[in-house]
């Protein structure tokens, strides 16, 4: 019995198995951090304010879980709205923040720039590439003035009126 066809078949099976494993591991595992494509400059508070549905100051009540919204794994936070710079949010709202972003601490105050998901029950998503700004009693006035100015001078990158 000739061993050549058996060895060729075995070698072919090994190549198929190795290439299948390589394709699976390459396509199923993210290569690294992902980046969102934004039309606004996340470093320009006027463009961020112009893009956001809501800009508000609030205190994180608690981390309330995780979920995937529109294919984006997100952390959920219950936030008590203290002051609104843009929009009409009141009371406690659910804010979603992409998984992998810095964790928001319960009892800590932040300024949030968010866009509403499809329905009020879906909550409000922090804008891509914009982290909530921490505020303390020492910085609250300056942060408030900063965002009041940004909202008053917002830039609409889509060319629509705010």
C-alpha atoms as a PDB file:
ATOM      1  CA  UNK A   1       0.000   0.000   0.000  1.00  0.00           C
ATOM      2  CA  UNK A   2       1.321   3.421  -0.995  1.00  0.00           C
ATOM      3  CA  UNK A   3       1.606   5.992   1.766  1.00  0.00           C
ATOM      4  CA  UNK A   4       1.777   9.030  -0.569  1.00  0.00           C
ATOM      5  CA  UNK A   5      -2.020   9.532  -1.069  1.00  0.00           C
ATOM      6  CA  UNK A   6      -2.581   9.062   2.664  1.00  0.00           C
ATOM      7  CA  UNK A   7       0.127  11.616   3.553  1.00  0.00           C
ATOM      8  CA  UNK A   8      -1.188  14.113   0.963  1.00  0.00           C
ATOM      9  CA  UNK A   9      -4.717  13.738   2.349  1.00  0.00           C
ATOM     10  CA  UNK A  10      -3.507  14.139   5.920  1.00  0.00           C
ATOM     11  CA  UNK A  11      -1.442  17.210   4.998  1.00  0.00           C
ATOM     12  CA  UNK A  12      -4.483  18.714   3.235  1.00  0.00           C
ATOM     13  CA  UNK A  13      -6.656  18.123   6.309  1.00  0.00           C
ATOM     14  CA  UNK A  14      -4.054  19.808   8.547  1.00  0.00           C
ATOM     15  CA  UNK A  15      -3.872  22.825   6.194  1.00  0.00           C
ATOM     16  CA  UNK A  16      -7.681  23.122   6.114  1.00  0.00           C
ATOM     17  CA  UNK A  17      -7.916  22.829   9.879  1.00  0.00           C
ATOM     18  CA  UNK A  18      -5.158  25.397  10.468  1.00  0.00           C
ATOM     19  CA  UNK A  19      -6.572  27.905   7.962  1.00  0.00           C
ATOM     20  CA  UNK A  20     -10.071  27.482   9.399  1.00  0.00           C
ATOM     21  CA  UNK A  21      -8.822  28.117  12.934  1.00  0.00           C
ATOM     22  CA  UNK A  22      -6.809  31.143  11.765  1.00  0.00           C
ATOM     23  CA  UNK A  23      -9.847  32.612   9.950  1.00  0.00           C
ATOM     24  CA  UNK A  24     -12.099  32.001  12.971  1.00  0.00           C
ATOM     25  CA  UNK A  25      -9.702  33.547  15.477  1.00  0.00           C
ATOM     26  CA  UNK A  26      -8.956  36.521  13.229  1.00  0.00           C
ATOM     27  CA  UNK A  27     -12.567  37.320  12.326  1.00  0.00           C
ATOM     28  CA  UNK A  28     -14.184  36.619  15.696  1.00  0.00           C
ATOM     29  CA  UNK A  29     -11.759  38.477  17.980  1.00  0.00           C
ATOM     30  CA  UNK A  30     -11.550  42.285  17.863  1.00  0.00           C
ATOM     31  CA  UNK A  31      -8.079  43.445  16.859  1.00  0.00           C
ATOM     32  CA  UNK A  32      -8.092  46.206  19.452  1.00  0.00           C
ATOM     33  CA  UNK A  33     -10.078  49.208  20.568  1.00  0.00           C
ATOM     34  CA  UNK A  34     -12.729  50.405  18.187  1.00  0.00           C
ATOM     35  CA  UNK A  35     -13.250  54.007  17.242  1.00  0.00           C
ATOM     36  CA  UNK A  36     -16.438  55.771  16.311  1.00  0.00           C
ATOM     37  CA  UNK A  37     -16.647  57.978  13.260  1.00  0.00           C
ATOM     38  CA  UNK A  38     -18.073  61.300  14.296  1.00  0.00           C
ATOM     39  CA  UNK A  39     -18.972  64.387  12.302  1.00  0.00           C
ATOM     40  CA  UNK A  40     -18.172  66.592  15.261  1.00  0.00           C
ATOM     41  CA  UNK A  41     -14.882  67.337  16.942  1.00  0.00           C
ATOM     42  CA  UNK A  42     -15.135  65.739  20.410  1.00  0.00           C
ATOM     43  CA  UNK A  43     -12.550  68.270  21.639  1.00  0.00           C
ATOM     44  CA  UNK A  44     -14.751  71.257  20.649  1.00  0.00           C
ATOM     45  CA  UNK A  45     -17.479  71.777  23.278  1.00  0.00           C
ATOM     46  CA  UNK A  46     -19.486  73.958  20.843  1.00  0.00           C
ATOM     47  CA  UNK A  47     -19.680  71.082  18.338  1.00  0.00           C
ATOM     48  CA  UNK A  48     -20.415  68.566  21.093  1.00  0.00           C
ATOM     49  CA  UNK A  49     -23.237  70.790  22.412  1.00  0.00           C
ATOM     50  CA  UNK A  50     -24.581  71.224  18.877  1.00  0.00           C
ATOM     51  CA  UNK A  51     -24.643  67.465  18.315  1.00  0.00           C
ATOM     52  CA  UNK A  52     -26.098  66.474  21.706  1.00  0.00           C
ATOM     53  CA  UNK A  53     -29.837  66.255  22.350  1.00  0.00           C
ATOM     54  CA  UNK A  54     -29.167  66.921  26.023  1.00  0.00           C
ATOM     55  CA  UNK A  55     -26.376  68.527  28.021  1.00  0.00           C
ATOM     56  CA  UNK A  56     -26.896  68.247  31.760  1.00  0.00           C
ATOM     57  CA  UNK A  57     -25.240  68.050  35.159  1.00  0.00           C
ATOM     58  CA  UNK A  58     -26.194  65.066  37.279  1.00  0.00           C
ATOM     59  CA  UNK A  59     -25.116  62.695  39.992  1.00  0.00           C
ATOM     60  CA  UNK A  60     -24.683  58.982  39.357  1.00  0.00           C
ATOM     61  CA  UNK A  61     -27.098  57.123  41.625  1.00  0.00           C
ATOM     62  CA  UNK A  62     -25.896  53.642  40.690  1.00  0.00           C
ATOM     63  CA  UNK A  63     -24.589  51.319  37.991  1.00  0.00           C
ATOM     64  CA  UNK A  64     -27.717  49.445  36.953  1.00  0.00           C
ATOM     65  CA  UNK A  65     -26.386  46.795  34.598  1.00  0.00           C
ATOM     66  CA  UNK A  66     -25.317  46.092  31.057  1.00  0.00           C
ATOM     67  CA  UNK A  67     -27.058  45.691  27.739  1.00  0.00           C
ATOM     68  CA  UNK A  68     -26.445  45.881  24.026  1.00  0.00           C
ATOM     69  CA  UNK A  69     -28.178  48.746  22.245  1.00  0.00           C
ATOM     70  CA  UNK A  70     -27.950  49.017  18.455  1.00  0.00           C
ATOM     71  CA  UNK A  71     -25.142  46.428  18.520  1.00  0.00           C
ATOM     72  CA  UNK A  72     -23.078  48.436  21.023  1.00  0.00           C
ATOM     73  CA  UNK A  73     -22.334  46.790  24.397  1.00  0.00           C
ATOM     74  CA  UNK A  74     -23.110  49.412  27.012  1.00  0.00           C
ATOM     75  CA  UNK A  75     -23.021  50.028  30.749  1.00  0.00           C
ATOM     76  CA  UNK A  76     -26.216  51.459  32.268  1.00  0.00           C
ATOM     77  CA  UNK A  77     -26.234  54.142  34.939  1.00  0.00           C
ATOM     78  CA  UNK A  78     -29.107  55.763  36.779  1.00  0.00           C
ATOM     79  CA  UNK A  79     -28.394  59.500  36.960  1.00  0.00           C
ATOM     80  CA  UNK A  80     -30.277  62.137  38.965  1.00  0.00           C
ATOM     81  CA  UNK A  81     -30.468  65.280  36.809  1.00  0.00           C
ATOM     82  CA  UNK A  82     -29.414  68.348  38.770  1.00  0.00           C
ATOM     83  CA  UNK A  83     -29.166  71.065  36.119  1.00  0.00           C
ATOM     84  CA  UNK A  84     -30.023  71.098  32.416  1.00  0.00           C
ATOM     85  CA  UNK A  85     -27.982  73.181  29.962  1.00  0.00           C
ATOM     86  CA  UNK A  86     -29.715  71.839  26.837  1.00  0.00           C
ATOM     87  CA  UNK A  87     -32.836  69.701  26.535  1.00  0.00           C
ATOM     88  CA  UNK A  88     -35.642  69.024  28.985  1.00  0.00           C
ATOM     89  CA  UNK A  89     -34.490  66.117  31.149  1.00  0.00           C
ATOM     90  CA  UNK A  90     -35.726  65.976  34.730  1.00  0.00           C
ATOM     91  CA  UNK A  91     -35.593  63.475  37.571  1.00  0.00           C
ATOM     92  CA  UNK A  92     -33.698  60.207  37.220  1.00  0.00           C
ATOM     93  CA  UNK A  93     -32.667  59.099  33.734  1.00  0.00           C
ATOM     94  CA  UNK A  94     -30.857  56.052  32.378  1.00  0.00           C
ATOM     95  CA  UNK A  95     -27.553  56.899  30.732  1.00  0.00           C
ATOM     96  CA  UNK A  96     -25.709  54.370  28.579  1.00  0.00           C
ATOM     97  CA  UNK A  97     -21.952  54.486  28.186  1.00  0.00           C
ATOM     98  CA  UNK A  98     -19.985  52.199  25.872  1.00  0.00           C
ATOM     99  CA  UNK A  99     -18.415  49.238  27.636  1.00  0.00           C
ATOM    100  CA  UNK A 100     -14.700  49.852  28.030  1.00  0.00           C
ATOM    101  CA  UNK A 101     -15.135  53.530  28.896  1.00  0.00           C
ATOM    102  CA  UNK A 102     -13.983  54.667  32.330  1.00  0.00           C
ATOM    103  CA  UNK A 103     -16.399  53.557  35.067  1.00  0.00           C
ATOM    104  CA  UNK A 104     -18.673  56.235  36.522  1.00  0.00           C
ATOM    105  CA  UNK A 105     -18.639  56.294  40.321  1.00  0.00           C
ATOM    106  CA  UNK A 106     -21.879  56.317  42.305  1.00  0.00           C
ATOM    107  CA  UNK A 107     -22.293  59.548  44.241  1.00  0.00           C
ATOM    108  CA  UNK A 108     -20.081  61.469  41.806  1.00  0.00           C
ATOM    109  CA  UNK A 109     -21.354  64.392  39.730  1.00  0.00           C
ATOM    110  CA  UNK A 110     -20.658  64.735  36.009  1.00  0.00           C
ATOM    111  CA  UNK A 111     -21.711  66.795  33.023  1.00  0.00           C
ATOM    112  CA  UNK A 112     -23.255  64.498  30.415  1.00  0.00           C
ATOM    113  CA  UNK A 113     -23.629  65.148  26.692  1.00  0.00           C
ATOM    114  CA  UNK A 114     -26.126  62.629  25.375  1.00  0.00           C
ATOM    115  CA  UNK A 115     -28.328  61.649  22.471  1.00  0.00           C
ATOM    116  CA  UNK A 116     -31.678  59.979  23.082  1.00  0.00           C
ATOM    117  CA  UNK A 117     -32.156  56.390  21.926  1.00  0.00           C
ATOM    118  CA  UNK A 118     -35.352  55.513  20.047  1.00  0.00           C
ATOM    119  CA  UNK A 119     -37.759  55.579  22.993  1.00  0.00           C
ATOM    120  CA  UNK A 120     -37.660  57.217  26.433  1.00  0.00           C
ATOM    121  CA  UNK A 121     -37.297  53.762  28.032  1.00  0.00           C
ATOM    122  CA  UNK A 122     -34.096  53.158  26.052  1.00  0.00           C
ATOM    123  CA  UNK A 123     -32.339  55.997  27.855  1.00  0.00           C
ATOM    124  CA  UNK A 124     -29.737  58.454  26.692  1.00  0.00           C
ATOM    125  CA  UNK A 125     -26.368  57.513  25.218  1.00  0.00           C
ATOM    126  CA  UNK A 126     -23.231  59.493  25.974  1.00  0.00           C
ATOM    127  CA  UNK A 127     -21.909  60.845  22.674  1.00  0.00           C
ATOM    128  CA  UNK A 128     -19.136  58.829  21.032  1.00  0.00           C
ATOM    129  CA  UNK A 129     -15.605  59.864  21.989  1.00  0.00           C
ATOM    130  CA  UNK A 130     -16.882  62.245  24.691  1.00  0.00           C
ATOM    131  CA  UNK A 131     -16.388  61.270  28.338  1.00  0.00           C
ATOM    132  CA  UNK A 132     -18.631  62.726  31.045  1.00  0.00           C
ATOM    133  CA  UNK A 133     -16.839  65.592  32.840  1.00  0.00           C
ATOM    134  CA  UNK A 134     -16.359  65.084  36.586  1.00  0.00           C
ATOM    135  CA  UNK A 135     -17.407  68.020  38.742  1.00  0.00           C
ATOM    136  CA  UNK A 136     -16.671  68.780  42.351  1.00  0.00           C
ATOM    137  CA  UNK A 137     -17.959  71.544  44.597  1.00  0.00           C
ATOM    138  CA  UNK A 138     -14.775  73.460  43.711  1.00  0.00           C
ATOM    139  CA  UNK A 139     -15.192  73.104  39.927  1.00  0.00           C
ATOM    140  CA  UNK A 140     -18.993  73.073  39.529  1.00  0.00           C
ATOM    141  CA  UNK A 141     -19.349  76.813  38.828  1.00  0.00           C
ATOM    142  CA  UNK A 142     -16.607  76.859  36.177  1.00  0.00           C
ATOM    143  CA  UNK A 143     -17.932  73.702  34.518  1.00  0.00           C
ATOM    144  CA  UNK A 144     -21.469  75.116  34.490  1.00  0.00           C
ATOM    145  CA  UNK A 145     -20.281  78.361  32.913  1.00  0.00           C
ATOM    146  CA  UNK A 146     -18.272  76.384  30.353  1.00  0.00           C
ATOM    147  CA  UNK A 147     -21.283  74.334  29.210  1.00  0.00           C
ATOM    148  CA  UNK A 148     -23.673  77.307  29.306  1.00  0.00           C
ATOM    149  CA  UNK A 149     -21.263  79.084  26.954  1.00  0.00           C
ATOM    150  CA  UNK A 150     -20.890  75.993  24.729  1.00  0.00           C
ATOM    151  CA  UNK A 151     -24.674  75.599  24.396  1.00  0.00           C
ATOM    152  CA  UNK A 152     -25.139  79.346  23.745  1.00  0.00           C
ATOM    153  CA  UNK A 153     -22.464  79.167  21.007  1.00  0.00           C
ATOM    154  CA  UNK A 154     -23.133  75.636  19.748  1.00  0.00           C
ATOM    155  CA  UNK A 155     -22.074  74.671  16.265  1.00  0.00           C
ATOM    156  CA  UNK A 156     -24.415  72.500  14.227  1.00  0.00           C
ATOM    157  CA  UNK A 157     -22.126  70.275  12.171  1.00  0.00           C
ATOM    158  CA  UNK A 158     -25.119  68.919  10.204  1.00  0.00           C
ATOM    159  CA  UNK A 159     -26.075  72.384   8.943  1.00  0.00           C
ATOM    160  CA  UNK A 160     -29.454  72.420  10.688  1.00  0.00           C
ATOM    161  CA  UNK A 161     -30.652  74.972  13.198  1.00  0.00           C
ATOM    162  CA  UNK A 162     -30.284  73.879  16.858  1.00  0.00           C
END
